[in-house]
Structures are given as C-alpha cells and as structure tokens.
Protein backbone atom coordinates (compact mmCIF):
# COMPACT_ATOMS: atom_id res chain seq x y z
CA MET A 1 430.01 85.70 50.27
CA ASN A 2 430.10 88.80 48.14
CA ASP A 3 427.30 91.32 47.35
CA VAL A 4 426.54 89.54 44.03
CA ASP A 5 426.10 86.14 45.64
CA VAL A 6 423.88 87.76 48.35
CA PHE A 7 421.69 89.42 45.78
CA THR A 8 421.68 86.23 43.62
CA ALA A 9 420.45 84.10 46.79
CA LEU A 10 418.06 86.72 47.71
CA ALA A 11 416.45 86.74 44.09
CA GLN A 12 416.25 83.05 44.20
CA ASN A 13 414.22 83.06 47.17
CA ILE A 14 411.62 85.80 46.24
CA GLY A 15 408.65 84.41 45.08
CA ILE A 16 407.41 87.15 42.69
CA LEU A 17 410.43 86.75 40.60
CA HIS A 18 409.57 83.16 39.71
CA ILE A 19 405.84 83.64 38.97
CA THR A 20 404.78 82.45 35.70
CA VAL A 21 401.77 83.44 33.48
CA GLY A 22 400.27 80.05 34.40
CA ASN A 23 400.49 80.83 37.91
CA ILE A 24 398.59 84.13 37.61
CA VAL A 25 395.99 82.44 35.59
CA MET A 26 395.47 79.73 38.25
CA ILE A 27 395.43 82.19 40.96
CA LEU A 28 392.67 84.12 39.01
CA ILE A 29 390.83 80.69 38.70
CA GLY A 30 391.10 79.99 42.37
CA LEU A 31 389.71 83.30 43.16
CA GLY A 32 386.84 82.72 40.91
CA LEU A 33 386.03 79.63 42.81
CA VAL A 34 386.14 81.69 46.00
CA TYR A 35 383.80 84.45 44.41
CA LEU A 36 381.33 81.59 43.37
CA ALA A 37 381.20 80.24 46.73
CA VAL A 38 381.10 83.31 48.89
CA LYS A 39 378.87 85.57 46.49
CA LYS A 40 376.82 83.10 44.79
CA ASN A 41 376.77 80.30 47.59
CA TYR A 42 377.86 77.65 45.00
CA GLU A 43 378.79 74.57 46.98
CA PRO A 44 380.77 76.67 49.41
CA LEU A 45 381.82 73.96 51.76
CA ILE A 46 383.96 72.31 49.04
CA LEU A 47 384.58 75.24 46.34
CA LEU A 48 385.87 77.76 49.02
CA PRO A 49 388.72 75.57 50.28
CA ILE A 50 389.43 74.17 46.86
CA GLY A 51 389.48 77.85 45.39
CA ILE A 52 391.78 79.26 48.11
CA THR A 53 394.05 76.31 48.08
CA ALA A 54 394.58 76.66 44.30
CA VAL A 55 395.59 80.32 44.89
CA LEU A 56 398.06 79.07 47.57
CA VAL A 57 399.81 76.30 45.54
CA ASN A 58 400.43 78.78 42.70
CA LEU A 59 402.55 81.16 44.68
CA PRO A 60 406.06 80.03 43.84
CA LEU A 61 408.74 78.50 46.24
CA THR A 62 406.20 77.86 49.07
CA GLY A 63 407.22 74.16 49.12
CA LEU A 64 403.71 72.94 50.27
CA THR A 65 403.25 70.37 47.70
CA GLN A 66 406.94 69.09 47.50
CA PRO A 67 407.59 65.51 48.92
CA PRO A 68 408.48 64.41 51.29
CA THR A 69 407.47 66.98 53.93
CA GLY A 70 405.17 69.53 52.28
CA PHE A 71 402.05 69.72 54.03
CA LEU A 72 399.66 69.85 51.17
CA TYR A 73 401.72 66.78 49.58
CA LEU A 74 401.16 64.79 53.02
CA VAL A 75 397.43 65.67 52.84
CA LYS A 76 397.03 64.45 49.35
CA HIS A 77 399.33 61.54 49.66
CA TYR A 78 398.15 60.10 52.75
CA LEU A 79 394.34 61.25 53.00
CA ILE A 80 393.33 61.61 49.54
CA ASP A 81 395.41 59.12 47.38
CA THR A 82 394.80 56.47 49.98
CA GLU A 83 390.88 57.24 49.49
CA VAL A 84 390.56 57.67 53.37
CA VAL A 85 388.92 60.98 53.04
CA PRO A 86 386.44 60.14 50.09
CA LEU A 87 385.31 57.00 52.02
CA LEU A 88 384.73 58.96 55.41
CA ILE A 89 382.88 61.49 53.33
CA PHE A 90 380.65 58.58 52.44
CA LEU A 91 380.22 57.58 55.99
CA GLY A 92 378.94 61.18 56.74
CA LEU A 93 376.53 61.10 53.76
CA GLY A 94 375.12 57.84 55.09
CA ALA A 95 374.32 59.27 58.24
CA MET A 96 372.53 62.26 56.72
CA ILE A 97 370.57 60.41 54.23
CA ASP A 98 366.82 59.19 54.65
CA PHE A 99 366.27 56.24 52.11
CA GLY A 100 362.57 56.32 53.35
CA PRO A 101 361.14 57.65 49.99
CA LEU A 102 363.14 54.89 47.99
CA ILE A 103 361.81 52.18 50.35
CA ALA A 104 358.27 53.47 49.99
CA ASN A 105 358.59 53.51 46.07
CA PRO A 106 361.15 50.96 45.17
CA LYS A 107 360.46 51.90 41.37
CA SER A 108 362.44 54.96 42.31
CA LEU A 109 365.64 52.60 42.01
CA LEU A 110 364.96 52.37 38.31
CA LEU A 111 365.01 56.22 37.89
CA GLY A 112 368.16 56.49 39.55
CA ALA A 113 369.76 53.82 37.62
CA ALA A 114 368.28 55.30 34.41
CA ALA A 115 370.06 58.88 35.15
CA GLN A 116 373.27 56.96 34.93
CA ILE A 117 372.91 57.28 31.28
CA GLY A 118 374.77 60.65 31.58
CA VAL A 119 377.88 58.70 32.70
CA PHE A 120 378.02 56.43 29.68
CA VAL A 121 377.15 59.38 27.20
CA ALA A 122 380.09 61.40 28.50
CA MET A 123 382.34 58.27 28.60
CA LEU A 124 381.61 57.44 24.88
CA LEU A 125 382.42 61.19 23.96
CA ALA A 126 385.56 61.20 26.06
CA LEU A 127 386.85 58.13 23.90
CA LEU A 128 385.85 59.88 20.66
CA LEU A 129 388.05 62.92 21.83
CA GLY A 130 390.91 60.80 22.40
CA PHE A 131 391.03 59.94 26.15
CA ASN A 132 392.05 56.55 27.14
CA VAL A 133 389.34 54.29 28.56
CA LYS A 134 390.48 54.91 32.20
CA GLU A 135 390.27 58.67 31.71
CA ALA A 136 387.10 58.33 29.99
CA ALA A 137 385.60 56.42 32.73
CA SER A 138 386.85 58.98 35.19
CA ILE A 139 385.02 61.90 33.23
CA GLY A 140 381.83 60.03 32.58
CA ILE A 141 381.32 59.42 36.34
CA ILE A 142 380.84 63.36 36.54
CA GLY A 143 377.44 62.66 35.29
CA GLY A 144 376.56 60.91 38.39
CA ALA A 145 376.56 64.16 40.06
CA ASP A 146 378.55 62.86 43.13
CA GLY A 147 381.65 64.50 43.95
CA PRO A 148 383.12 61.90 46.30
CA THR A 149 382.57 58.99 43.88
CA THR A 150 384.18 61.11 41.25
CA ILE A 151 387.17 61.66 43.34
CA TYR A 152 387.26 58.17 44.45
CA LEU A 153 387.23 56.59 40.96
CA THR A 154 389.47 59.28 39.51
CA ILE A 155 392.24 58.58 42.25
CA LYS A 156 391.92 54.95 41.14
CA LEU A 157 391.91 55.16 37.51
CA ALA A 158 393.27 58.55 36.31
CA PRO A 159 394.85 60.54 39.39
CA HIS A 160 396.36 63.04 36.95
CA LEU A 161 392.75 64.26 36.06
CA LEU A 162 391.79 64.62 39.74
CA ALA A 163 391.66 68.46 39.74
CA ALA A 164 389.70 68.79 36.61
CA THR A 165 387.23 66.09 37.35
CA ALA A 166 386.72 67.28 40.94
CA VAL A 167 386.32 70.99 39.91
CA ALA A 168 383.78 70.02 37.24
CA ALA A 169 381.83 67.62 39.51
CA TYR A 170 381.37 70.17 42.33
CA SER A 171 380.95 73.08 40.13
CA TYR A 172 378.33 71.64 38.09
CA MET A 173 376.50 70.08 41.16
CA SER A 174 376.12 73.80 42.36
CA LEU A 175 374.75 74.75 39.02
CA VAL A 176 371.96 72.05 38.99
CA PRO A 177 369.28 74.83 39.38
CA LEU A 178 370.52 76.35 36.18
CA ILE A 179 371.51 73.09 34.21
CA GLN A 180 368.37 70.93 34.78
CA PRO A 181 365.29 73.14 34.43
CA PRO A 182 365.85 73.71 30.57
CA VAL A 183 366.42 70.04 29.72
CA ILE A 184 363.35 69.16 31.94
CA LYS A 185 361.11 71.69 30.15
CA LEU A 186 362.38 70.50 26.89
CA LEU A 187 361.53 66.91 27.47
CA THR A 188 358.14 67.21 29.10
CA THR A 189 354.84 68.94 28.54
CA LYS A 190 352.98 71.18 30.70
CA ARG A 191 350.50 68.63 31.42
CA GLU A 192 353.24 66.00 32.26
CA ARG A 193 354.73 68.58 34.67
CA MET A 194 351.27 69.01 36.27
CA ILE A 195 350.87 65.12 37.21
CA ARG A 196 350.09 64.61 40.68
CA MET A 197 351.19 61.70 42.50
CA LYS A 198 349.62 59.76 45.37
CA GLN A 199 351.25 60.37 48.97
CA LEU A 200 354.05 57.80 49.76
CA ARG A 201 353.22 55.18 52.33
CA PRO A 202 354.73 55.39 55.92
CA VAL A 203 358.03 53.40 56.19
CA SER A 204 358.49 51.68 59.32
CA LYS A 205 361.89 51.94 61.51
CA LYS A 206 362.30 48.12 61.03
CA GLU A 207 362.27 48.77 57.17
CA LYS A 208 364.76 51.42 57.51
CA ILE A 209 367.19 49.46 59.60
CA ILE A 210 367.14 46.42 57.39
CA PHE A 211 367.58 48.46 54.19
CA PRO A 212 371.21 49.30 54.53
CA ILE A 213 372.08 45.99 55.92
CA ILE A 214 370.52 44.20 52.75
CA THR A 215 371.89 46.71 50.37
CA MET A 216 375.48 46.34 51.61
CA ILE A 217 375.45 42.65 51.50
CA VAL A 218 373.57 42.53 47.91
CA VAL A 219 375.89 45.05 46.26
CA GLY A 220 379.00 43.64 47.94
CA LEU A 221 378.31 40.09 46.74
CA LEU A 222 377.43 41.29 43.18
CA VAL A 223 379.94 44.09 42.65
CA PRO A 224 382.68 43.75 45.33
CA SER A 225 384.54 46.76 43.77
CA ALA A 226 381.64 49.15 44.91
CA ALA A 227 381.66 47.61 48.61
CA PRO A 228 383.97 50.27 49.88
CA LEU A 229 381.67 53.11 48.75
CA ILE A 230 378.24 51.42 49.45
CA GLY A 231 379.47 49.98 52.67
CA MET A 232 380.43 53.39 54.24
CA ILE A 233 377.09 54.83 53.10
CA MET A 234 375.12 51.90 54.64
CA ILE A 235 377.12 51.80 57.80
CA GLY A 236 376.66 55.66 58.25
CA ASN A 237 372.85 55.05 57.45
CA LEU A 238 372.36 52.28 60.04
CA PHE A 239 373.99 54.87 62.62
CA ARG A 240 371.10 57.15 61.71
CA GLU A 241 368.29 54.80 61.59
CA SER A 242 369.21 52.51 64.47
CA GLY A 243 368.33 55.09 66.99
CA VAL A 244 370.69 53.54 69.48
CA VAL A 245 374.19 55.41 68.52
CA GLU A 246 373.18 58.97 68.38
CA ARG A 247 376.57 60.07 69.42
CA LEU A 248 378.17 58.31 66.30
CA ARG A 249 375.44 59.55 63.94
CA LYS A 250 376.05 63.10 64.95
CA ALA A 251 379.92 62.70 64.99
CA ALA A 252 379.64 61.14 61.53
CA SER A 253 377.28 63.51 59.93
CA GLU A 254 378.77 66.90 61.59
CA GLU A 255 382.30 66.75 63.24
CA LEU A 256 383.79 64.20 61.23
CA MET A 257 382.06 65.32 58.00
CA ASN A 258 383.34 68.88 58.73
CA ILE A 259 386.96 67.65 59.12
CA VAL A 260 387.16 65.49 55.99
CA THR A 261 385.49 68.03 53.77
CA ILE A 262 388.34 70.43 54.92
CA PHE A 263 390.87 67.82 53.86
CA LEU A 264 388.98 67.07 50.68
CA GLY A 265 388.94 70.66 49.52
CA ILE A 266 392.48 71.52 50.30
CA GLY A 267 393.65 68.11 48.92
CA VAL A 268 391.87 68.76 45.69
CA GLY A 269 393.08 72.26 45.61
CA SER A 270 396.72 71.29 46.01
CA THR A 271 396.32 69.46 42.68
CA MET A 272 395.42 72.74 40.73
CA GLN A 273 398.92 73.79 39.89
CA ALA A 274 399.49 75.67 36.55
CA GLN A 275 401.68 73.11 34.90
CA THR A 276 399.09 70.30 35.41
CA PHE A 277 395.82 72.14 35.37
CA LEU A 278 396.27 74.37 32.38
CA THR A 279 395.88 71.83 29.51
CA PRO A 280 393.56 71.27 26.63
CA LYS A 281 392.40 68.11 28.49
CA THR A 282 391.31 70.17 31.34
CA LEU A 283 389.10 72.22 29.05
CA MET A 284 387.53 69.16 27.61
CA VAL A 285 386.71 67.53 30.88
CA LEU A 286 384.97 70.57 32.01
CA GLY A 287 382.98 70.55 28.64
CA LEU A 288 382.07 66.98 28.92
CA GLY A 289 380.94 67.50 32.49
CA ILE A 290 378.25 69.62 31.55
CA VAL A 291 377.29 67.19 28.83
CA ALA A 292 377.25 64.55 31.59
CA PHE A 293 374.89 66.46 33.81
CA ALA A 294 372.45 67.17 30.95
CA SER A 295 372.26 64.00 29.45
CA ALA A 296 371.82 62.15 33.07
CA THR A 297 368.98 64.71 33.50
CA ALA A 298 367.59 63.66 30.12
CA GLY A 299 367.99 59.98 30.83
CA GLY A 300 365.91 60.10 33.95
CA VAL A 301 363.00 62.08 32.54
CA LEU A 302 362.83 59.95 29.40
CA PHE A 303 362.90 56.70 31.32
CA ALA A 304 360.08 58.16 33.57
CA LYS A 305 358.01 58.96 30.47
CA LEU A 306 358.73 55.31 29.30
CA MET A 307 357.47 54.02 32.64
CA ASN A 308 354.24 55.88 32.14
CA LEU A 309 353.46 54.00 29.02
CA PHE A 310 353.20 50.68 31.08
CA SER A 311 351.91 52.17 34.41
CA LYS A 312 348.40 52.62 35.39
CA GLU A 313 349.31 55.25 38.05
CA LYS A 314 351.10 58.06 36.21
CA ILE A 315 354.21 59.42 37.64
CA ASN A 316 355.37 62.90 37.14
CA PRO A 317 358.33 62.35 34.63
CA MET A 318 360.23 65.45 36.28
CA ILE A 319 361.19 63.21 39.24
CA GLY A 320 363.31 61.22 36.67
CA ALA A 321 365.70 64.20 36.55
CA ALA A 322 366.18 63.82 40.26
CA GLY A 323 367.80 60.42 39.46
CA VAL A 324 371.42 62.43 39.56
CA SER A 325 372.74 62.25 42.91
CA ALA A 326 372.99 65.67 43.71
CA VAL A 327 371.17 65.29 46.94
CA PRO A 328 368.77 67.20 47.70
CA MET A 329 369.36 69.87 45.24
CA SER A 330 368.03 68.18 42.20
CA ALA A 331 364.88 66.88 44.08
CA ARG A 332 364.31 70.70 45.15
CA VAL A 333 364.72 71.82 41.66
CA VAL A 334 362.08 69.42 40.41
CA GLN A 335 359.69 70.43 43.45
CA ARG A 336 360.18 74.09 42.27
CA LEU A 337 359.25 73.41 38.75
CA ALA A 338 356.21 71.32 39.96
CA LEU A 339 355.06 74.29 42.01
CA GLU A 340 355.38 76.75 39.02
CA GLU A 341 352.87 74.72 37.07
CA ASP A 342 350.60 73.81 40.03
CA PRO A 343 351.05 75.65 43.40
CA GLU A 344 349.51 72.81 45.23
CA ASN A 345 351.56 69.98 43.59
CA HIS A 346 354.13 68.70 46.18
CA ILE A 347 356.40 65.93 44.75
CA LEU A 348 359.39 66.55 46.82
CA MET A 349 359.43 63.36 48.65
CA HIS A 350 358.68 61.37 45.39
CA ALA A 351 361.81 63.17 43.88
CA MET A 352 363.85 62.25 46.79
CA GLY A 353 363.37 58.54 45.84
CA PRO A 354 365.16 58.79 42.61
CA ASN A 355 367.70 61.17 44.32
CA VAL A 356 368.95 58.94 46.86
CA ALA A 357 368.73 56.05 44.31
CA GLY A 358 371.19 58.08 42.25
CA VAL A 359 373.63 57.91 45.06
CA ILE A 360 373.58 54.08 45.29
CA GLY A 361 373.40 53.86 41.28
CA THR A 362 376.65 55.98 40.97
CA ALA A 363 378.79 54.03 43.54
CA VAL A 364 377.67 50.72 41.78
CA VAL A 365 378.80 52.09 38.34
CA ALA A 366 381.92 53.27 39.71
CA GLY A 367 382.37 49.78 41.29
CA VAL A 368 381.77 48.24 37.76
CA PHE A 369 384.28 50.52 36.29
CA LEU A 370 386.81 49.38 38.77
CA SER A 371 386.16 45.98 38.24
CA LEU A 372 386.44 46.08 34.58
CA LEU A 373 389.49 48.56 34.19
CA GLY A 374 391.37 47.11 37.02
CA GLY A 375 391.66 50.08 39.30
C-alpha cells in the first residue's frame, strides 16, 4: 500500500471529515435537551439520556446504529421495537401509582376521559396537514401526556416518527407548569378557581386490591388491544397495594424502573439521526404536540364546568386539567393555582383522581387505535 492509499484509508476513517450540517444541527439539539435536563430539570431521567445519545449517534462512522451488531441498534431492535421496555415502564408506573383518589371519587374517571379530547383534536389536525391515519394517531396520542404510551403506539403504527413523538411527549410533559396555567385561567373565573371541595372519603385496602384486578379484566374484555398496557399497570399496582410482595414492588418501582428508563432513553435517542429527524414532518409533530397538550387541558376543564351544571356539589373545574396523565405534575399545577387564589384551598388529592384516570384513559385510547388501525 503506497502513501496515497494510506492517506485515503485514514481519511475514510476520520469522523470529522464526514460530518454533515445535519449532524451538527442534531448535535446541537441533543445538547439542548441535555441543557434542559441538567439546568432546567425538565424530565431529566428521560431527556438526559435521549439528548446525549442524540449527540452520540450523530458522530459519523461510530457504527453504533448499524445492524446487525451495533449496540444502539440492538437496544432499539430488541428492547424498544419489541415493546419490552415500554411495557416494563408501565409495570413500574403501576407500582408507584395510588389509585385511592380515583376510587374515592369515581366521577374523576369522566374527567380523565374528557381530557383525551386533546388526542382527537391533534389527530384531526394531523390528518388535515397530510399525515396518514396511523401517523395522525401516533401524533394525537401525545395529547395524553403519557410518554410510554406514546412510544408504544408509535412503535406499532408509525415507527419512523418515534423520535419526534417521543421527544415531543417528554418535552411537553416537562413544560406542563408553563402550558397548563394560561389555558386554565382563560377558561375559568376567579370564583370557579376558588371552589372548595369536600375531603375525600378513606379508601380501604380491600378496595385498592380489588380495583386493579377488576380494571384489568374489564378493559381486557372490552378493549383487548389495551390489555398489555393496562395489564402491566395493574399488575404493578397490585404489587403495591397487596402489601405482601414488598420486594417485588420495590424492584419494579426502583431498580427495574431505573434500568428500563435508561434503555428507553438511549433507544429513543438512537433514532434521532439527522437524516430521519430533520424533516418538515418533525417540526409539524412538535407543533401538533403542544396543540394536543393545550386542547387536552381545555377538554378536561370544560367538561368539569359541564358537570357542575348538573351536580349539587360543585367541583373545582381546574381539576379537569389534571386529566392529562402527566402524573403528578398536572395535579401539582392545579394545586398551585388553587393556592394562588385561596391559600387554604387544598385540592391536590381531588386533582390526583383525574390525573391517574388519565393514565387509564390514554392507554384505552391507544388500545382503540390499535384495534381500529391494525397495529
């Protein structure tokens, strides 16, 4: 091999000589996500691994995403695309969720369902913008404010949009304290925001044990496509509420949850390569995501106001905004707004009812989409 051949071979293996403008843009986007996670504390557990992995996969010639042996290819292909990680995330979430406020006030389920209007508003707009129906469903589900459900449905229906929908879902979840208050204040009066609600009744251990079992059976029979999501949530919740498998509850909500969150983050981040992410569709997905969140908030608030027209005991319509399943952030936003109007008005537990109902609602909507669209 002469000197020219050596130089050519060396040049072919130096990454900086192959970097593109797109790679540079994506590296900056990845660093932006890292900044939001570290400096602003926006969903750091997921945005930090997504962001830094986006930087890594846009370094040329690493081979990390190349089949059949690239590490990030293996993570995405065997753990994300097979739905193993999203479903294990639901198991961990179930082990962390307290359904007590929902059991104490079953009407909260209606508010969680009403907030799903954001899913259908965003889906309709996506169709009008030229997305096909499977893509539109994957974009619309962002309005449920549930990252794992968004990932699960997108993998099934529109895997090429995974990076955009996942980044939109988790980014906007972290921005709930900024997105929701203006919508809530626009749709409610000061008097409505000051409504006090009666303390919720105590919920027995028996009720908490029966709830996940019955919910899993009912949803599984009515919407079989939602059974994987609802089933994992309820199995994890039964670990929590039974009181007899503390080791399993702890493992599901801590060790396992931490591990699968890492794989979820790097798996999604591995899809953020310049050639697939930097498209007009990505920008539209990000725009539709914020519409989905805002309209979901509005749907919950407006339905709560509608319920007040027929209810003797008035509810604070702000708790309808917690119907998006960003647990517990949206409930905390509602509590903060209530305290701004009345420092003694504590409605956090009332808001947690629609909040956890939203988790169930989003999973059911995802199941319906899968049933109808053949995912």
